[in-house]
């Protein structure tokens, strides 16, 4: 598994995970526990989120290309 987060982001996310488990389940998790949870979700969801982002980008560019073609033909001048 490749780590996609910078260390400062990992630290912030581990802190948020620890706060969530403390608030929701009254569990105290340390750096190792929160790191393992973060790694688990990165492994389970990382590729799915990445693929979804690619699909969203493709849809955006398809709409952009459609608009570009419409704009292109809108530039044509009427010939009399």
PDB file of N, CA and C in Angstrom:
ATOM      1  N   UNK A   1       0.850  -1.185   0.000  1.00  0.00           N
ATOM      2  CA  UNK A   1       0.000   0.000   0.000  1.00  0.00           C
ATOM      3  C   UNK A   1       0.889   1.239   0.000  1.00  0.00           C
ATOM      4  N   UNK A   2       0.549   2.162  -0.843  1.00  0.00           N
ATOM      5  CA  UNK A   2       1.307   3.405  -0.937  1.00  0.00           C
ATOM      6  C   UNK A   2       0.580   4.455  -0.117  1.00  0.00           C
ATOM      7  N   UNK A   3       1.342   5.225   0.666  1.00  0.00           N
ATOM      8  CA  UNK A   3       0.743   6.263   1.500  1.00  0.00           C
ATOM      9  C   UNK A   3       0.528   7.511   0.659  1.00  0.00           C
ATOM     10  N   UNK A   4      -0.699   7.981   0.617  1.00  0.00           N
ATOM     11  CA  UNK A   4      -1.028   9.119  -0.230  1.00  0.00           C
ATOM     12  C   UNK A   4      -1.092  10.429   0.553  1.00  0.00           C
ATOM     13  N   UNK A   5      -0.902  10.379   1.858  1.00  0.00           N
ATOM     14  CA  UNK A   5      -1.039  11.568   2.694  1.00  0.00           C
ATOM     15  C   UNK A   5       0.307  12.044   3.201  1.00  0.00           C
ATOM     16  N   UNK A   6       0.450  13.354   3.299  1.00  0.00           N
ATOM     17  CA  UNK A   6       1.630  13.923   3.932  1.00  0.00           C
ATOM     18  C   UNK A   6       1.517  13.710   5.433  1.00  0.00           C
ATOM     19  N   UNK A   7       2.660  13.734   6.119  1.00  0.00           N
ATOM     20  CA  UNK A   7       2.674  13.431   7.551  1.00  0.00           C
ATOM     21  C   UNK A   7       1.788  14.387   8.357  1.00  0.00           C
ATOM     22  N   UNK A   8       1.790  15.668   8.018  1.00  0.00           N
ATOM     23  CA  UNK A   8       0.936  16.620   8.766  1.00  0.00           C
ATOM     24  C   UNK A   8      -0.540  16.282   8.584  1.00  0.00           C
ATOM     25  N   UNK A   9      -0.921  15.811   7.390  1.00  0.00           N
ATOM     26  CA  UNK A   9      -2.307  15.411   7.149  1.00  0.00           C
ATOM     27  C   UNK A   9      -2.635  14.135   7.903  1.00  0.00           C
ATOM     28  N   UNK A  10      -1.700  13.183   7.905  1.00  0.00           N
ATOM     29  CA  UNK A  10      -1.917  11.935   8.660  1.00  0.00           C
ATOM     30  C   UNK A  10      -2.105  12.239  10.142  1.00  0.00           C
ATOM     31  N   UNK A  11      -1.287  13.127  10.666  1.00  0.00           N
ATOM     32  CA  UNK A  11      -1.398  13.489  12.082  1.00  0.00           C
ATOM     33  C   UNK A  11      -2.757  14.090  12.387  1.00  0.00           C
ATOM     34  N   UNK A  12      -3.215  15.014  11.538  1.00  0.00           N
ATOM     35  CA  UNK A  12      -4.526  15.643  11.731  1.00  0.00           C
ATOM     36  C   UNK A  12      -5.637  14.597  11.658  1.00  0.00           C
ATOM     37  N   UNK A  13      -5.555  13.693  10.684  1.00  0.00           N
ATOM     38  CA  UNK A  13      -6.589  12.665  10.542  1.00  0.00           C
ATOM     39  C   UNK A  13      -6.573  11.699  11.724  1.00  0.00           C
ATOM     40  N   UNK A  14      -5.388  11.335  12.204  1.00  0.00           N
ATOM     41  CA  UNK A  14      -5.315  10.461  13.390  1.00  0.00           C
ATOM     42  C   UNK A  14      -5.958  11.145  14.588  1.00  0.00           C
ATOM     43  N   UNK A  15      -5.713  12.453  14.748  1.00  0.00           N
ATOM     44  CA  UNK A  15      -6.335  13.200  15.841  1.00  0.00           C
ATOM     45  C   UNK A  15      -7.856  13.209  15.706  1.00  0.00           C
ATOM     46  N   UNK A  16      -8.354  13.372  14.483  1.00  0.00           N
ATOM     47  CA  UNK A  16      -9.798  13.370  14.249  1.00  0.00           C
ATOM     48  C   UNK A  16     -10.401  11.991  14.514  1.00  0.00           C
ATOM     49  N   UNK A  17      -9.688  10.940  14.138  1.00  0.00           N
ATOM     50  CA  UNK A  17     -10.150   9.578  14.415  1.00  0.00           C
ATOM     51  C   UNK A  17     -10.216   9.347  15.916  1.00  0.00           C
ATOM     52  N   UNK A  18      -9.171   9.765  16.623  1.00  0.00           N
ATOM     53  CA  UNK A  18      -9.148   9.603  18.085  1.00  0.00           C
ATOM     54  C   UNK A  18     -10.315  10.357  18.721  1.00  0.00           C
ATOM     55  N   UNK A  19     -10.576  11.583  18.266  1.00  0.00           N
ATOM     56  CA  UNK A  19     -11.682  12.375  18.820  1.00  0.00           C
ATOM     57  C   UNK A  19     -13.023  11.706  18.530  1.00  0.00           C
ATOM     58  N   UNK A  20     -13.184  11.161  17.322  1.00  0.00           N
ATOM     59  CA  UNK A  20     -14.430  10.482  16.965  1.00  0.00           C
ATOM     60  C   UNK A  20     -14.673   9.283  17.888  1.00  0.00           C
ATOM     61  N   UNK A  21     -13.664   8.423  18.056  1.00  0.00           N
ATOM     62  CA  UNK A  21     -13.853   7.232  18.892  1.00  0.00           C
ATOM     63  C   UNK A  21     -14.059   7.601  20.356  1.00  0.00           C
ATOM     64  N   UNK A  22     -13.446   8.675  20.808  1.00  0.00           N
ATOM     65  CA  UNK A  22     -13.654   9.124  22.187  1.00  0.00           C
ATOM     66  C   UNK A  22     -15.086   9.620  22.358  1.00  0.00           C
ATOM     67  N   UNK A  23     -15.551  10.434  21.423  1.00  0.00           N
ATOM     68  CA  UNK A  23     -16.891  11.021  21.526  1.00  0.00           C
ATOM     69  C   UNK A  23     -17.995   9.991  21.307  1.00  0.00           C
ATOM     70  N   UNK A  24     -17.843   9.156  20.284  1.00  0.00           N
ATOM     71  CA  UNK A  24     -18.904   8.227  19.907  1.00  0.00           C
ATOM     72  C   UNK A  24     -18.907   6.929  20.717  1.00  0.00           C
ATOM     73  N   UNK A  25     -17.731   6.473  21.119  1.00  0.00           N
ATOM     74  CA  UNK A  25     -17.637   5.154  21.763  1.00  0.00           C
ATOM     75  C   UNK A  25     -16.920   5.178  23.111  1.00  0.00           C
ATOM     76  N   UNK A  26     -16.531   6.368  23.559  1.00  0.00           N
ATOM     77  CA  UNK A  26     -15.798   6.528  24.813  1.00  0.00           C
ATOM     78  C   UNK A  26     -14.558   5.632  24.859  1.00  0.00           C
ATOM     79  N   UNK A  27     -13.860   5.548  23.725  1.00  0.00           N
ATOM     80  CA  UNK A  27     -12.627   4.761  23.617  1.00  0.00           C
ATOM     81  C   UNK A  27     -11.441   5.681  23.417  1.00  0.00           C
ATOM     82  N   UNK A  28     -10.375   5.416  24.163  1.00  0.00           N
ATOM     83  CA  UNK A  28      -9.129   6.166  24.006  1.00  0.00           C
ATOM     84  C   UNK A  28      -8.221   5.378  23.066  1.00  0.00           C
ATOM     85  N   UNK A  29      -7.927   5.953  21.902  1.00  0.00           N
ATOM     86  CA  UNK A  29      -7.025   5.311  20.951  1.00  0.00           C
ATOM     87  C   UNK A  29      -5.740   6.113  20.851  1.00  0.00           C
ATOM     88  N   UNK A  30      -4.631   5.405  20.755  1.00  0.00           N
ATOM     89  CA  UNK A  30      -3.346   6.066  20.614  1.00  0.00           C
ATOM     90  C   UNK A  30      -2.954   6.208  19.157  1.00  0.00           C
ATOM     91  N   UNK A  31      -1.715   6.611  18.958  1.00  0.00           N
ATOM     92  CA  UNK A  31      -1.191   6.848  17.614  1.00  0.00           C
ATOM     93  C   UNK A  31      -1.205   5.572  16.777  1.00  0.00           C
ATOM     94  N   UNK A  32      -0.833   4.460  17.378  1.00  0.00           N
ATOM     95  CA  UNK A  32      -0.792   3.204  16.623  1.00  0.00           C
ATOM     96  C   UNK A  32      -2.201   2.780  16.217  1.00  0.00           C
ATOM     97  N   UNK A  33      -3.148   2.837  17.144  1.00  0.00           N
ATOM     98  CA  UNK A  33      -4.517   2.438  16.843  1.00  0.00           C
ATOM     99  C   UNK A  33      -5.155   3.313  15.785  1.00  0.00           C
ATOM    100  N   UNK A  34      -4.995   4.621  15.920  1.00  0.00           N
ATOM    101  CA  UNK A  34      -5.586   5.521  14.939  1.00  0.00           C
ATOM    102  C   UNK A  34      -4.876   5.400  13.594  1.00  0.00           C
ATOM    103  N   UNK A  35      -3.577   5.138  13.622  1.00  0.00           N
ATOM    104  CA  UNK A  35      -2.834   4.926  12.376  1.00  0.00           C
ATOM    105  C   UNK A  35      -3.311   3.689  11.644  1.00  0.00           C
ATOM    106  N   UNK A  36      -3.593   2.615  12.397  1.00  0.00           N
ATOM    107  CA  UNK A  36      -4.084   1.388  11.768  1.00  0.00           C
ATOM    108  C   UNK A  36      -5.479   1.590  11.174  1.00  0.00           C
ATOM    109  N   UNK A  37      -6.315   2.345  11.858  1.00  0.00           N
ATOM    110  CA  UNK A  37      -7.656   2.637  11.322  1.00  0.00           C
ATOM    111  C   UNK A  37      -7.536   3.450  10.042  1.00  0.00           C
ATOM    112  N   UNK A  38      -6.684   4.467  10.064  1.00  0.00           N
ATOM    113  CA  UNK A  38      -6.473   5.286   8.873  1.00  0.00           C
ATOM    114  C   UNK A  38      -5.939   4.443   7.720  1.00  0.00           C
ATOM    115  N   UNK A  39      -4.966   3.588   7.999  1.00  0.00           N
ATOM    116  CA  UNK A  39      -4.417   2.703   6.965  1.00  0.00           C
ATOM    117  C   UNK A  39      -5.489   1.765   6.416  1.00  0.00           C
ATOM    118  N   UNK A  40      -6.336   1.235   7.295  1.00  0.00           N
ATOM    119  CA  UNK A  40      -7.413   0.337   6.875  1.00  0.00           C
ATOM    120  C   UNK A  40      -8.345   1.033   5.884  1.00  0.00           C
ATOM    121  N   UNK A  41      -8.805   2.241   6.245  1.00  0.00           N
ATOM    122  CA  UNK A  41      -9.725   2.943   5.357  1.00  0.00           C
ATOM    123  C   UNK A  41      -9.054   3.408   4.078  1.00  0.00           C
ATOM    124  N   UNK A  42      -7.782   3.770   4.172  1.00  0.00           N
ATOM    125  CA  UNK A  42      -7.060   4.129   2.957  1.00  0.00           C
ATOM    126  C   UNK A  42      -6.976   2.924   2.031  1.00  0.00           C
ATOM    127  N   UNK A  43      -6.696   1.760   2.577  1.00  0.00           N
ATOM    128  CA  UNK A  43      -6.599   0.535   1.779  1.00  0.00           C
ATOM    129  C   UNK A  43      -7.961   0.149   1.198  1.00  0.00           C
ATOM    130  N   UNK A  44      -9.012   0.247   2.006  1.00  0.00           N
ATOM    131  CA  UNK A  44     -10.336  -0.174   1.571  1.00  0.00           C
ATOM    132  C   UNK A  44     -10.991   0.812   0.605  1.00  0.00           C
ATOM    133  N   UNK A  45     -10.769   2.102   0.809  1.00  0.00           N
ATOM    134  CA  UNK A  45     -11.509   3.109   0.054  1.00  0.00           C
ATOM    135  C   UNK A  45     -10.672   3.886  -0.950  1.00  0.00           C
ATOM    136  N   UNK A  46      -9.367   3.869  -0.802  1.00  0.00           N
ATOM    137  CA  UNK A  46      -8.502   4.703  -1.630  1.00  0.00           C
ATOM    138  C   UNK A  46      -8.714   4.529  -3.116  1.00  0.00           C
ATOM    139  N   UNK A  47      -8.668   3.304  -3.597  1.00  0.00           N
ATOM    140  CA  UNK A  47      -8.830   3.063  -5.032  1.00  0.00           C
ATOM    141  C   UNK A  47     -10.243   3.396  -5.509  1.00  0.00           C
ATOM    142  N   UNK A  48     -11.237   3.129  -4.668  1.00  0.00           N
ATOM    143  CA  UNK A  48     -12.617   3.446  -5.043  1.00  0.00           C
ATOM    144  C   UNK A  48     -12.810   4.956  -5.183  1.00  0.00           C
ATOM    145  N   UNK A  49     -12.271   5.714  -4.244  1.00  0.00           N
ATOM    146  CA  UNK A  49     -12.380   7.171  -4.291  1.00  0.00           C
ATOM    147  C   UNK A  49     -11.621   7.704  -5.501  1.00  0.00           C
ATOM    148  N   UNK A  50     -10.450   7.161  -5.756  1.00  0.00           N
ATOM    149  CA  UNK A  50      -9.644   7.569  -6.907  1.00  0.00           C
ATOM    150  C   UNK A  50     -10.408   7.326  -8.212  1.00  0.00           C
ATOM    151  N   UNK A  51     -10.976   6.127  -8.358  1.00  0.00           N
ATOM    152  CA  UNK A  51     -11.728   5.809  -9.579  1.00  0.00           C
ATOM    153  C   UNK A  51     -12.960   6.695  -9.731  1.00  0.00           C
ATOM    154  N   UNK A  52     -13.644   6.983  -8.634  1.00  0.00           N
ATOM    155  CA  UNK A  52     -14.805   7.870  -8.680  1.00  0.00           C
ATOM    156  C   UNK A  52     -14.378   9.268  -9.127  1.00  0.00           C
ATOM    157  N   UNK A  53     -13.248   9.750  -8.633  1.00  0.00           N
ATOM    158  CA  UNK A  53     -12.746  11.063  -9.046  1.00  0.00           C
ATOM    159  C   UNK A  53     -12.432  11.073 -10.538  1.00  0.00           C
ATOM    160  N   UNK A  54     -11.851   9.979 -11.050  1.00  0.00           N
ATOM    161  CA  UNK A  54     -11.590   9.890 -12.486  1.00  0.00           C
ATOM    162  C   UNK A  54     -12.890   9.921 -13.287  1.00  0.00           C
ATOM    163  N   UNK A  55     -13.895   9.179 -12.825  1.00  0.00           N
ATOM    164  CA  UNK A  55     -15.200   9.181 -13.504  1.00  0.00           C
ATOM    165  C   UNK A  55     -15.812  10.585 -13.506  1.00  0.00           C
ATOM    166  N   UNK A  56     -15.725  11.272 -12.368  1.00  0.00           N
ATOM    167  CA  UNK A  56     -16.264  12.631 -12.284  1.00  0.00           C
ATOM    168  C   UNK A  56     -15.519  13.576 -13.227  1.00  0.00           C
ATOM    169  N   UNK A  57     -14.200  13.451 -13.297  1.00  0.00           N
ATOM    170  CA  UNK A  57     -13.405  14.294 -14.190  1.00  0.00           C
ATOM    171  C   UNK A  57     -13.763  14.013 -15.647  1.00  0.00           C
ATOM    172  N   UNK A  58     -13.955  12.742 -15.977  1.00  0.00           N
ATOM    173  CA  UNK A  58     -14.328  12.380 -17.349  1.00  0.00           C
ATOM    174  C   UNK A  58     -15.660  13.008 -17.722  1.00  0.00           C
ATOM    175  N   UNK A  59     -16.638  12.930 -16.838  1.00  0.00           N
ATOM    176  CA  UNK A  59     -17.950  13.535 -17.095  1.00  0.00           C
ATOM    177  C   UNK A  59     -17.822  15.047 -17.270  1.00  0.00           C
ATOM    178  N   UNK A  60     -17.001  15.679 -16.441  1.00  0.00           N
ATOM    179  CA  UNK A  60     -16.800  17.122 -16.549  1.00  0.00           C
ATOM    180  C   UNK A  60     -16.232  17.473 -17.916  1.00  0.00           C
ATOM    181  N   UNK A  61     -15.190  16.749 -18.337  1.00  0.00           N
ATOM    182  CA  UNK A  61     -14.556  17.065 -19.613  1.00  0.00           C
ATOM    183  C   UNK A  61     -15.440  16.706 -20.809  1.00  0.00           C
ATOM    184  N   UNK A  62     -16.272  15.698 -20.672  1.00  0.00           N
ATOM    185  CA  UNK A  62     -17.226  15.398 -21.746  1.00  0.00           C
ATOM    186  C   UNK A  62     -18.222  16.533 -21.906  1.00  0.00           C
ATOM    187  N   UNK A  63     -18.738  17.063 -20.794  1.00  0.00           N
ATOM    188  CA  UNK A  63     -19.648  18.207 -20.860  1.00  0.00           C
ATOM    189  C   UNK A  63     -18.929  19.430 -21.426  1.00  0.00           C
ATOM    190  N   UNK A  64     -17.684  19.619 -21.000  1.00  0.00           N
ATOM    191  CA  UNK A  64     -16.882  20.735 -21.492  1.00  0.00           C
ATOM    192  C   UNK A  64     -16.676  20.619 -23.000  1.00  0.00           C
ATOM    193  N   UNK A  65     -16.362  19.426 -23.489  1.00  0.00           N
ATOM    194  CA  UNK A  65     -16.149  19.203 -24.924  1.00  0.00           C
ATOM    195  C   UNK A  65     -17.441  19.443 -25.693  1.00  0.00           C
ATOM    196  N   UNK A  66     -18.578  18.996 -25.151  1.00  0.00           N
ATOM    197  CA  UNK A  66     -19.867  19.243 -25.805  1.00  0.00           C
ATOM    198  C   UNK A  66     -20.136  20.739 -25.919  1.00  0.00           C
ATOM    199  N   UNK A  67     -19.867  21.458 -24.842  1.00  0.00           N
ATOM    200  CA  UNK A  67     -20.065  22.912 -24.854  1.00  0.00           C
ATOM    201  C   UNK A  67     -19.108  23.578 -25.834  1.00  0.00           C
ATOM    202  N   UNK A  68     -17.891  23.067 -25.911  1.00  0.00           N
ATOM    203  CA  UNK A  68     -16.909  23.650 -26.803  1.00  0.00           C
ATOM    204  C   UNK A  68     -17.346  23.488 -28.259  1.00  0.00           C
ATOM    205  N   UNK A  69     -17.893  22.338 -28.602  1.00  0.00           N
ATOM    206  CA  UNK A  69     -18.371  22.126 -29.965  1.00  0.00           C
ATOM    207  C   UNK A  69     -19.531  23.070 -30.278  1.00  0.00           C
ATOM    208  N   UNK A  70     -20.447  23.217 -29.358  1.00  0.00           N
ATOM    209  CA  UNK A  70     -21.568  24.141 -29.541  1.00  0.00           C
ATOM    210  C   UNK A  70     -21.056  25.569 -29.714  1.00  0.00           C
ATOM    211  N   UNK A  71     -20.113  25.965 -28.876  1.00  0.00           N
ATOM    212  CA  UNK A  71     -19.536  27.310 -28.979  1.00  0.00           C
ATOM    213  C   UNK A  71     -18.819  27.499 -30.309  1.00  0.00           C
ATOM    214  N   UNK A  72     -18.153  26.463 -30.776  1.00  0.00           N
ATOM    215  CA  UNK A  72     -17.435  26.523 -32.053  1.00  0.00           C
ATOM    216  C   UNK A  72     -18.404  26.845 -33.188  1.00  0.00           C
ATOM    217  N   UNK A  73     -19.486  26.105 -33.255  1.00  0.00           N
ATOM    218  CA  UNK A  73     -20.450  26.334 -34.338  1.00  0.00           C
ATOM    219  C   UNK A  73     -21.192  27.659 -34.169  1.00  0.00           C
ATOM    220  N   UNK A  74     -21.287  28.151 -32.962  1.00  0.00           N
ATOM    221  CA  UNK A  74     -21.922  29.445 -32.718  1.00  0.00           C
ATOM    222  C   UNK A  74     -21.085  30.584 -33.317  1.00  0.00           C
ATOM    223  N   UNK A  75     -19.808  30.343 -33.533  1.00  0.00           N
ATOM    224  CA  UNK A  75     -18.930  31.376 -34.109  1.00  0.00           C
ATOM    225  C   UNK A  75     -19.112  31.535 -35.621  1.00  0.00           C
ATOM    226  N   UNK A  76     -19.720  30.560 -36.259  1.00  0.00           N
ATOM    227  CA  UNK A  76     -19.927  30.629 -37.705  1.00  0.00           C
ATOM    228  C   UNK A  76     -20.763  31.851 -38.058  1.00  0.00           C
ATOM    229  N   UNK A  77     -20.428  32.462 -39.164  1.00  0.00           N
ATOM    230  CA  UNK A  77     -21.186  33.604 -39.692  1.00  0.00           C
ATOM    231  C   UNK A  77     -22.182  33.103 -40.746  1.00  0.00           C
ATOM    232  N   UNK A  78     -23.321  33.723 -40.766  1.00  0.00           N
ATOM    233  CA  UNK A  78     -24.303  33.409 -41.806  1.00  0.00           C
ATOM    234  C   UNK A  78     -23.772  33.918 -43.142  1.00  0.00           C
ATOM    235  N   UNK A  79     -23.871  33.062 -44.137  1.00  0.00           N
ATOM    236  CA  UNK A  79     -23.434  33.443 -45.501  1.00  0.00           C
ATOM    237  C   UNK A  79     -24.682  33.765 -46.303  1.00  0.00           C
ATOM    238  N   UNK A  80     -24.679  34.937 -46.940  1.00  0.00           N
ATOM    239  CA  UNK A  80     -25.861  35.385 -47.695  1.00  0.00           C
ATOM    240  C   UNK A  80     -25.653  35.218 -49.141  1.00  0.00           C
TER     241      UNK A  80
END
